[in-house]
Protein backbone atom coordinates (compact mmCIF):
# COMPACT_ATOMS: atom_id res chain seq x y z
CA MET A 1 0.20 -0.06 -0.22
CA LEU A 2 1.58 3.33 -1.37
CA LYS A 3 2.55 5.57 1.80
CA ILE A 4 1.76 9.08 2.29
CA VAL A 5 4.51 11.41 3.23
CA SER A 6 4.44 15.17 3.13
CA GLY A 7 5.83 18.39 5.95
CA GLY A 8 2.48 19.75 7.63
CA GLN A 9 3.10 22.92 6.05
CA THR A 10 -0.08 24.45 5.17
CA GLY A 11 -1.02 24.48 1.12
CA VAL A 12 -0.32 20.93 -0.65
CA ASP A 13 1.25 19.53 2.65
CA ARG A 14 -1.66 19.37 4.28
CA ALA A 15 -3.54 18.36 1.49
CA ALA A 16 -1.73 15.62 0.72
CA LEU A 17 -1.95 14.41 4.58
CA ASP A 18 -5.90 15.04 4.61
CA VAL A 19 -6.31 12.94 1.83
CA ALA A 20 -3.99 9.84 2.83
CA ILE A 21 -6.36 9.84 5.90
CA GLU A 22 -9.45 10.98 4.13
CA LEU A 23 -8.97 7.70 2.05
CA ASN A 24 -7.40 5.62 5.19
CA LEU A 25 -3.54 5.44 3.56
CA PRO A 26 -0.81 5.36 5.71
CA HIS A 27 1.52 8.72 5.93
CA GLY A 28 3.45 10.02 7.79
CA GLY A 29 6.85 12.28 7.57
CA TRP A 30 9.01 14.76 9.37
CA CYS A 31 8.59 18.67 10.36
CA PRO A 32 10.27 21.14 12.11
CA GLN A 33 10.31 20.86 16.39
CA GLY A 34 7.46 21.96 17.53
CA ARG A 35 5.50 20.89 15.09
CA ARG A 36 5.39 24.70 13.19
CA ALA A 37 3.41 26.04 10.37
CA GLU A 38 2.33 29.27 9.08
CA ASP A 39 -0.71 28.75 10.67
CA GLY A 40 0.79 27.46 13.52
CA VAL A 41 1.22 24.36 15.30
CA ILE A 42 0.29 21.56 13.83
CA ALA A 43 -2.20 19.13 14.59
CA THR A 44 -1.34 15.91 16.36
CA LYS A 45 -3.68 14.04 13.99
CA TYR A 46 -1.15 14.08 11.40
CA GLN A 47 1.34 11.28 12.08
CA LEU A 48 4.79 13.64 11.19
CA GLN A 49 7.86 13.27 13.69
CA GLU A 50 9.96 16.35 14.42
CA THR A 51 13.33 17.19 13.71
CA LYS A 52 15.87 18.67 16.30
CA SER A 53 15.72 21.67 13.65
CA ARG A 54 12.67 24.51 13.78
CA GLN A 55 14.25 24.44 9.76
CA TYR A 56 11.73 24.22 7.25
CA ALA A 57 15.05 22.91 5.23
CA VAL A 58 15.69 20.27 7.43
CA ARG A 59 12.77 18.51 7.01
CA THR A 60 12.50 19.10 3.36
CA ARG A 61 15.32 17.43 3.14
CA TRP A 62 15.00 13.98 5.47
CA ASN A 63 11.27 13.74 3.27
CA VAL A 64 13.10 13.67 0.40
CA ARG A 65 15.83 10.95 1.85
CA ASP A 66 13.42 9.07 3.20
CA SER A 67 11.20 8.33 0.29
CA ASP A 68 11.20 6.07 -2.94
CA ALA A 69 10.46 9.55 -4.86
CA THR A 70 8.80 12.92 -4.22
CA LEU A 71 5.91 14.52 -6.42
CA ILE A 72 5.89 18.09 -6.48
CA ILE A 73 1.96 19.89 -7.03
CA ALA A 74 2.98 23.56 -7.97
CA ARG A 75 3.14 26.05 -11.29
CA GLU A 76 6.41 26.20 -13.17
CA PRO A 77 8.41 28.24 -12.40
CA LEU A 78 9.48 26.73 -8.66
CA GLN A 79 10.13 29.23 -6.12
CA GLY A 80 11.30 28.95 -2.30
CA GLY A 81 10.86 26.02 -0.42
CA THR A 82 9.42 24.46 -3.69
CA ALA A 83 12.35 24.81 -5.54
CA LEU A 84 14.83 23.51 -2.41
CA THR A 85 12.78 20.29 -2.53
CA ALA A 86 13.04 19.59 -6.27
CA GLU A 87 17.22 20.54 -6.19
CA ILE A 88 17.46 18.10 -2.83
CA ALA A 89 15.78 15.70 -4.67
CA GLN A 90 18.55 16.18 -7.66
CA SER A 91 20.99 16.30 -5.32
CA LEU A 92 20.15 12.65 -3.63
CA ASP A 93 19.30 11.00 -7.20
CA ARG A 94 15.39 10.63 -6.20
CA PRO A 95 12.62 10.60 -8.60
CA CYS A 96 11.12 13.72 -8.40
CA LEU A 97 7.91 14.84 -11.19
CA VAL A 98 6.53 18.12 -11.37
CA VAL A 99 2.65 18.53 -11.76
CA ALA A 100 -0.16 21.48 -12.34
CA PRO A 101 -3.26 20.23 -10.44
CA SER A 102 -5.62 22.05 -13.13
CA THR A 103 -4.95 19.56 -16.13
CA SER A 104 -6.63 16.41 -15.69
CA GLY A 105 -4.46 14.18 -17.56
CA ASN A 106 -1.40 14.80 -14.70
CA VAL A 107 -3.30 12.14 -13.11
CA THR A 108 -2.93 9.23 -15.53
CA ARG A 109 0.68 10.76 -15.89
CA VAL A 110 1.70 10.42 -12.06
CA ARG A 111 0.10 6.89 -12.36
CA LYS A 112 1.83 6.02 -14.78
CA TRP A 113 5.33 6.93 -12.89
CA ILE A 114 4.44 5.46 -9.30
CA ASP A 115 4.05 2.58 -11.18
CA THR A 116 7.33 2.72 -12.89
CA HIS A 117 9.43 3.63 -10.11
CA SER A 118 7.55 1.21 -7.95
CA ILE A 119 7.04 3.81 -5.55
CA ARG A 120 5.54 2.91 -2.07
CA VAL A 121 7.07 5.78 -0.25
CA LEU A 122 5.66 8.65 -2.01
CA ASN A 123 6.65 12.57 -1.09
CA VAL A 124 4.31 14.69 -1.70
CA ALA A 125 5.13 19.36 -1.63
CA GLY A 126 4.31 22.43 -3.14
CA PRO A 127 3.28 25.54 -2.45
CA ARG A 128 2.15 26.78 1.06
CA GLU A 129 -1.28 28.51 0.94
CA SER A 130 -0.09 32.30 1.64
CA SER A 131 2.60 32.33 -0.79
CA GLU A 132 0.03 30.67 -3.81
CA PRO A 133 -3.48 30.92 -2.16
CA GLY A 134 -6.45 28.57 -3.21
CA ILE A 135 -3.74 25.84 -3.60
CA TYR A 136 -5.12 23.91 -0.49
CA ALA A 137 -7.86 22.64 -2.57
CA ARG A 138 -6.61 22.76 -5.75
CA ALA A 139 -4.03 20.10 -4.59
CA LEU A 140 -6.60 18.07 -2.17
CA SER A 141 -9.55 17.29 -5.85
CA PHE A 142 -5.69 16.61 -7.67
CA LEU A 143 -4.79 14.38 -5.10
CA ARG A 144 -8.32 12.60 -4.55
CA ARG A 145 -8.38 11.44 -7.81
CA LEU A 146 -4.94 10.52 -7.80
CA LEU A 147 -4.70 8.31 -4.73
CA GLY A 148 -8.55 7.20 -4.62
CA ASN A 149 -7.89 6.03 -8.30
CA LEU A 150 -4.66 4.33 -6.75
CA LYS A 151 -6.46 3.02 -4.25
CA SER A 152 -9.60 1.21 -6.21
CA GLN A 153 -7.30 -0.40 -8.54
CA ARG A 154 -6.36 -2.49 -5.88
CA SER A 155 -9.88 -4.33 -5.94
CA THR A 156 -11.56 -5.57 -9.53
CA GLY A 157 -14.90 -4.05 -8.41
CA ALA A 158 -18.00 -5.86 -8.33
CA ARG A 159 -18.76 -7.49 -11.45
CA ARG A 160 -23.65 -7.08 -10.58
CA LEU A 161 -25.12 -4.75 -9.25
CA ALA A 162 -26.48 -6.95 -6.50
CA ASP A 163 -22.75 -7.47 -5.84
CA VAL A 164 -22.38 -3.99 -4.87
CA THR A 165 -22.32 -3.61 -1.20
CA ALA A 166 -23.64 -0.58 0.74
CA ASP A 167 -20.63 0.67 1.96
CA THR A 168 -19.24 1.27 -1.28
CA LEU A 169 -22.88 2.49 -2.81
CA ASP A 170 -22.88 4.97 -0.33
CA ARG A 171 -19.40 6.53 -1.11
CA LEU A 172 -20.22 6.09 -4.28
CA GLN A 173 -23.47 8.59 -4.17
CA ARG A 174 -21.81 10.32 -2.00
CA GLY A 175 -19.15 11.25 -4.47
CA GLU A 176 -16.29 9.92 -2.47
CA GLN A 177 -15.24 7.60 -4.98
CA GLU A 178 -14.71 6.26 -8.51
CA THR A 179 -16.83 3.42 -9.50
CA ARG A 180 -14.17 0.26 -10.70
CA THR A 181 -17.13 -1.02 -13.27
CA LEU A 182 -19.56 -0.62 -15.46
CA ALA A 183 -21.91 -1.80 -12.72
CA GLU A 184 -20.99 0.44 -9.93
CA GLY A 185 -21.81 2.95 -12.21
CA LEU A 186 -25.08 1.72 -12.59
CA ALA A 187 -25.88 1.58 -9.01
CA ILE A 188 -25.97 4.44 -8.54
CA ASP A 189 -28.91 7.08 -8.09
CA PHE A 190 -28.03 9.92 -9.39
CA ARG A 191 -30.70 12.02 -7.56
CA THR A 192 -29.05 11.41 -4.42
CA LEU A 193 -25.37 11.92 -5.91
CA LEU A 194 -26.87 15.32 -6.88
CA GLN A 195 -27.73 16.81 -3.84
CA HIS A 196 -24.11 15.36 -2.34
CA VAL A 197 -22.31 17.14 -5.01
CA ALA A 198 -24.70 20.67 -5.71
CA PRO A 199 -26.79 20.65 -2.52
CA GLU A 200 -27.89 24.02 -3.65
CA LEU A 201 -29.35 22.85 -6.32
CA SER A 202 -33.37 22.62 -5.80
CA LEU A 203 -34.65 20.35 -9.16
CA SER A 204 -38.46 20.01 -9.76
CA ALA A 205 -40.38 17.08 -10.04
CA ASP A 206 -39.93 16.15 -13.64
CA GLU A 207 -36.03 17.23 -13.41
CA GLU A 208 -35.38 14.60 -11.06
CA ALA A 209 -37.56 12.08 -12.99
CA THR A 210 -35.41 12.84 -15.79
CA LEU A 211 -32.24 11.57 -13.29
CA ALA A 212 -34.08 8.39 -12.40
CA LYS A 213 -33.34 4.36 -13.06
CA PRO A 214 -36.10 3.61 -15.59
CA HIS A 215 -33.67 6.04 -18.06
CA GLY A 216 -30.81 4.28 -19.96
CA ILE A 217 -27.04 5.29 -18.02
CA THR A 218 -26.39 7.33 -21.16
CA ARG A 219 -30.04 9.75 -20.94
CA ARG A 220 -29.64 10.25 -17.57
CA MET A 221 -25.59 11.17 -17.99
CA GLU A 222 -26.79 13.86 -20.15
CA SER A 223 -30.06 15.06 -18.47
CA ALA A 224 -27.33 15.81 -15.22
CA GLY A 225 -25.60 17.75 -17.27
CA GLN A 226 -28.45 19.56 -18.57
CA LEU A 227 -29.89 20.10 -15.28
CA LEU A 228 -26.24 21.20 -13.49
CA LEU A 229 -25.90 24.11 -16.92
CA ARG A 230 -29.98 25.39 -16.21
CA HIS A 231 -29.18 25.71 -12.49
CA VAL A 232 -25.45 26.37 -12.34
CA GLY A 233 -24.11 27.95 -14.78
CA ASP A 234 -22.16 27.18 -18.26
CA GLY A 235 -19.26 29.52 -17.41
CA GLN A 236 -16.11 28.03 -17.15
CA THR A 237 -15.65 28.35 -13.05
CA ALA A 238 -19.01 26.04 -12.88
CA ILE A 239 -17.52 23.19 -15.30
CA ASP A 240 -14.51 23.08 -13.52
CA ARG A 241 -16.43 23.25 -10.67
CA PHE A 242 -17.61 19.45 -11.76
CA ALA A 243 -14.72 18.22 -13.63
CA CYS A 244 -12.10 18.00 -10.69
CA HIS A 245 -14.81 16.74 -8.64
CA PRO A 246 -12.79 12.96 -7.04
CA SER A 247 -16.65 11.03 -8.34
CA ASP A 248 -15.58 9.87 -12.46
CA THR A 249 -19.61 10.18 -12.86
CA VAL A 250 -19.79 13.96 -11.53
CA ARG A 251 -16.73 14.33 -14.48
CA GLY A 252 -18.70 12.22 -17.01
CA TRP A 253 -21.51 15.08 -16.13
CA ALA A 254 -18.92 18.17 -16.77
CA ALA A 255 -18.49 16.63 -19.94
CA TYR A 256 -21.90 16.61 -20.82
CA MET A 257 -22.08 20.09 -19.63
CA VAL A 258 -19.61 21.00 -22.31
CA GLY A 259 -21.16 18.53 -25.25
CA GLY A 260 -24.12 20.81 -23.81
CA LEU A 261 -23.02 24.37 -23.70
CA SER A 262 -24.65 27.10 -26.24
CA ASN A 263 -23.60 29.08 -29.15
CA VAL A 264 -19.67 27.41 -29.19
CA SER A 265 -17.80 26.84 -31.87
CA LEU A 266 -16.18 23.74 -32.36
CA ALA A 267 -13.04 24.40 -31.27
CA ARG A 268 -13.48 25.76 -28.20
CA ARG A 269 -15.85 22.89 -27.11
CA LEU A 270 -12.65 20.32 -28.13
CA GLN A 271 -11.07 22.60 -26.03
CA GLN A 272 -13.14 22.19 -23.10
CA ILE A 273 -13.58 18.78 -23.61
CA ARG A 274 -10.08 17.49 -23.98
CA PRO A 275 -8.78 16.95 -20.08
CA LEU A 276 -11.85 15.30 -19.66
CA ALA A 277 -10.74 12.77 -22.77
CA ASP A 278 -7.40 12.65 -21.64
CA ASP A 279 -8.88 11.50 -17.46
CA SER A 280 -7.35 9.07 -15.73
CA HIS A 281 -11.09 7.12 -15.40
CA PHE A 282 -11.50 4.90 -18.42
CA GLY A 283 -15.16 6.02 -18.12
CA VAL A 284 -14.85 9.07 -17.90
CA ARG A 285 -13.39 9.39 -21.05
CA GLU A 286 -15.82 7.34 -23.20
CA TRP A 287 -18.61 9.85 -21.70
CA ALA A 288 -15.53 12.77 -23.48
CA TRP A 289 -16.35 11.61 -26.64
CA LEU A 290 -20.24 10.36 -25.84
CA ALA A 291 -21.16 13.56 -24.94
CA MET A 292 -19.30 15.39 -28.52
CA ARG A 293 -20.12 12.58 -30.81
CA THR A 294 -22.99 14.61 -31.73
CA HIS A 295 -21.16 17.84 -32.32
CA ILE A 296 -17.70 16.05 -34.65
CA ALA A 297 -20.99 14.03 -35.97
CA GLY A 298 -22.24 17.37 -37.87
CA ASP A 299 -19.03 18.72 -38.84
CA ILE A 300 -17.61 15.41 -39.67
CA GLU A 301 -14.60 16.79 -41.54
CA ALA A 302 -13.80 20.00 -40.22
CA SER A 303 -14.20 17.69 -36.48
CA ILE A 304 -11.29 15.43 -38.43
CA ALA A 305 -9.35 18.58 -39.07
CA ARG A 306 -8.80 19.58 -35.22
CA LEU A 307 -8.34 15.86 -33.89
CA GLU A 308 -5.54 14.69 -36.37
CA ARG A 309 -3.28 17.43 -34.18
CA TRP A 310 -4.28 15.25 -30.98
CA THR A 311 -2.30 11.97 -33.11
CA GLY A 312 0.69 13.84 -32.47
CA THR A 313 0.49 13.93 -28.42
CA ARG A 314 2.19 11.85 -26.05
CA SER A 315 -1.30 10.85 -24.26
CA GLU A 316 -2.24 7.58 -25.74
CA ASN A 317 -5.94 8.85 -24.52
CA LEU A 318 -6.09 11.90 -27.10
CA ARG A 319 -4.85 9.90 -29.45
CA ARG A 320 -7.65 7.30 -29.08
CA TYR A 321 -9.77 9.73 -28.54
CA ALA A 322 -9.51 11.25 -31.78
CA VAL A 323 -9.95 7.16 -33.37
CA GLU A 324 -13.03 6.76 -30.84
CA SER A 325 -14.88 10.10 -31.90
CA THR A 326 -15.15 9.40 -35.42
CA ARG A 327 -15.93 6.08 -35.69
CA PRO A 328 -18.18 5.61 -38.66
CA ARG A 329 -21.05 3.81 -36.68
CA GLY A 330 -19.15 3.69 -32.68
CA VAL A 331 -21.06 1.82 -30.03
CA TRP A 332 -24.06 3.54 -28.04
CA CYS A 333 -23.77 6.07 -30.90
CA THR A 334 -25.91 7.24 -34.26
CA HIS A 335 -23.59 6.58 -37.13
CA VAL A 336 -22.23 8.85 -39.11
CA THR A 337 -23.20 8.68 -43.40
CA GLU A 338 -20.63 10.86 -44.94
CA LEU A 339 -17.51 7.77 -42.77
CA LYS A 340 -19.56 4.57 -43.60
CA ASP A 341 -19.90 5.85 -47.80
CA SER A 342 -16.64 7.84 -47.76
CA PRO A 343 -14.09 6.28 -45.41
CA GLU A 344 -11.03 7.74 -46.89
CA ILE A 345 -12.20 10.96 -44.81
CA GLY A 346 -10.83 10.23 -41.33
CA LEU A 347 -7.24 9.24 -43.32
CA PRO A 348 -6.09 12.24 -42.15
CA ILE A 349 -6.55 10.55 -38.00
CA LEU A 350 -5.63 6.89 -39.54
CA GLU A 351 -2.75 7.34 -40.73
CA PRO A 352 -0.55 8.66 -38.22
CA LEU A 353 -2.06 5.48 -35.86
CA ARG A 354 -0.96 2.81 -37.95
CA ALA A 355 1.49 1.83 -35.91
CA ASP A 356 0.77 2.94 -33.06
CA PRO A 357 2.74 1.83 -29.80
CA SER A 358 -0.62 1.30 -27.87
CA LYS A 359 -2.60 -1.70 -27.45
CA TYR A 360 -5.56 0.93 -26.79
CA VAL A 361 -4.99 3.38 -29.41
CA GLN A 362 -4.62 -0.33 -32.05
CA ASP A 363 -8.09 -1.83 -31.02
CA SER A 364 -9.66 1.59 -31.35
CA VAL A 365 -7.94 1.86 -34.77
CA ALA A 366 -8.82 -1.86 -35.57
CA ASN A 367 -12.49 -0.96 -34.04
CA TRP A 368 -12.83 2.29 -36.86
CA LEU A 369 -11.64 0.50 -39.86
CA ASN A 370 -13.79 -2.46 -37.92
CA ASP A 371 -17.07 -0.07 -38.34
CA ALA A 372 -15.95 0.57 -42.30
CA SER A 373 -15.76 -2.64 -43.30
CA LYS A 374 -19.43 -3.27 -43.16
CA SER A 375 -19.73 -0.47 -46.46
CA GLN A 376 -16.80 -0.79 -47.38
CA PRO A 377 -15.12 -4.18 -47.34
CA ASP A 378 -12.99 -3.31 -50.54
CA TRP A 379 -11.69 0.17 -49.36
CA VAL A 380 -10.68 -2.02 -45.72
CA ARG A 381 -9.21 -4.65 -47.66
CA GLU A 382 -6.67 -2.92 -49.77
CA LEU A 383 -5.98 -0.73 -46.76
CA CYS A 384 -4.86 -3.31 -44.57
CA SER A 385 -2.78 -4.40 -47.70
CA ARG A 386 -1.28 -1.22 -48.27
CA TRP A 387 -0.48 -0.42 -44.45
CA GLU A 388 1.15 -3.91 -43.96
CA ALA A 389 3.30 -3.54 -46.55
CA GLU A 390 4.76 0.54 -45.98
CA SER A 391 4.56 -0.87 -42.57
CA PRO A 392 5.48 -4.52 -41.68
CA SER A 393 5.47 -4.00 -37.65
CA GLU A 394 3.89 -5.57 -34.79
CA ALA A 395 0.99 -3.29 -34.18
CA THR A 396 0.47 -2.58 -37.75
CA ALA A 397 -0.25 -6.51 -38.29
CA ARG A 398 -2.20 -6.59 -34.80
CA ILE A 399 -4.25 -3.37 -36.05
CA CYS A 400 -5.28 -5.39 -39.53
CA HIS A 401 -5.40 -8.21 -38.69
CA ARG A 402 -8.73 -7.33 -35.70
CA ALA A 403 -9.96 -4.75 -38.43
CA LEU A 404 -11.09 -7.29 -41.05
CA ARG A 405 -12.35 -9.57 -38.31
CA SER A 406 -16.14 -9.27 -39.30
CA LEU A 407 -15.06 -9.99 -42.80
CA ARG A 408 -13.48 -13.14 -41.93
CA LYS A 409 -16.49 -14.05 -40.09
CA SER A 410 -18.57 -13.42 -43.21
CA LYS A 411 -17.15 -16.28 -45.35
CA LYS A 412 -17.82 -18.91 -43.33
């Protein structure tokens, strides 16, 4: 189990310790003599040991020294004690990663970094509250998503609705825990979750009815997004409030808020959905493209021209999004007639990914082509033949094999 270490200062340090306590993760670390912090004496609920010095620099060095790695949550360039933390990590040859809490995709980045370095003791550092007002709240939200996700990965979750325990359902409906399976997502009563997430809302009986379970999950997700737009507002602050929430379901609602915005250009809409398209949770990434599907399908050539840029990003989530959101047939969504008739329109997205190293992306490219094969089989066969000749890699071979699966079955 991951242990969280921090120095107890206001801001990022305190957020890290509070999230560890909230999630029942072990925590600790060194703090200055007298449990010194800028707001007074550090509370005893934080299981910190005192150094023999009142100087912050001493506890900073000891926390870096005694941890497997250090995560710095801050905007660059680093300053003051935060910069010192990075310098100490470098001098001690300890892994150190700097991330901004406002970027959703950084959750995935940090999670992979933790896995890559097999980190068991993580030192978390960053600015104090006085030097960057509001950093505690931003770090708290970021760490809830990061650490909650890491913790939930240790359990497979319920596979059937009947297996969702009362305790798990309570945490899900309070917005305190991410879902691990589709069954857990289906178990949530949206009306209850909405009351915890936005207690100031007062919905009519008809509005509440749109969130009831007799409606399909996709329809209920869209309804929740529309209700939030109507009652909370359509400004960026309102959307960010839910886009940064610990609950993956709530972040999915934020995706539908973006999808439901009126009088917004496609470029602006894609810019707003991008952090959710790169979310650490598989469910949010699906809602992010489903919420945008109507807009993307409504101007498919303009969408492909913009999403083509995403195929060159380092994030496999964004590369996959460019493909999945433009599939000719897709899942749980309307078809794109232009792509069914003329799949070559999608080549600007498909070509750069024909040998992508990520199986997550490979599967999406293969599914895109499999969709196309149902209306334009000869085009798909010819494309795969060309790809295998021009790009004789294992990745391309895997894509083409999966892309042709429906055509192989039709011959039997």
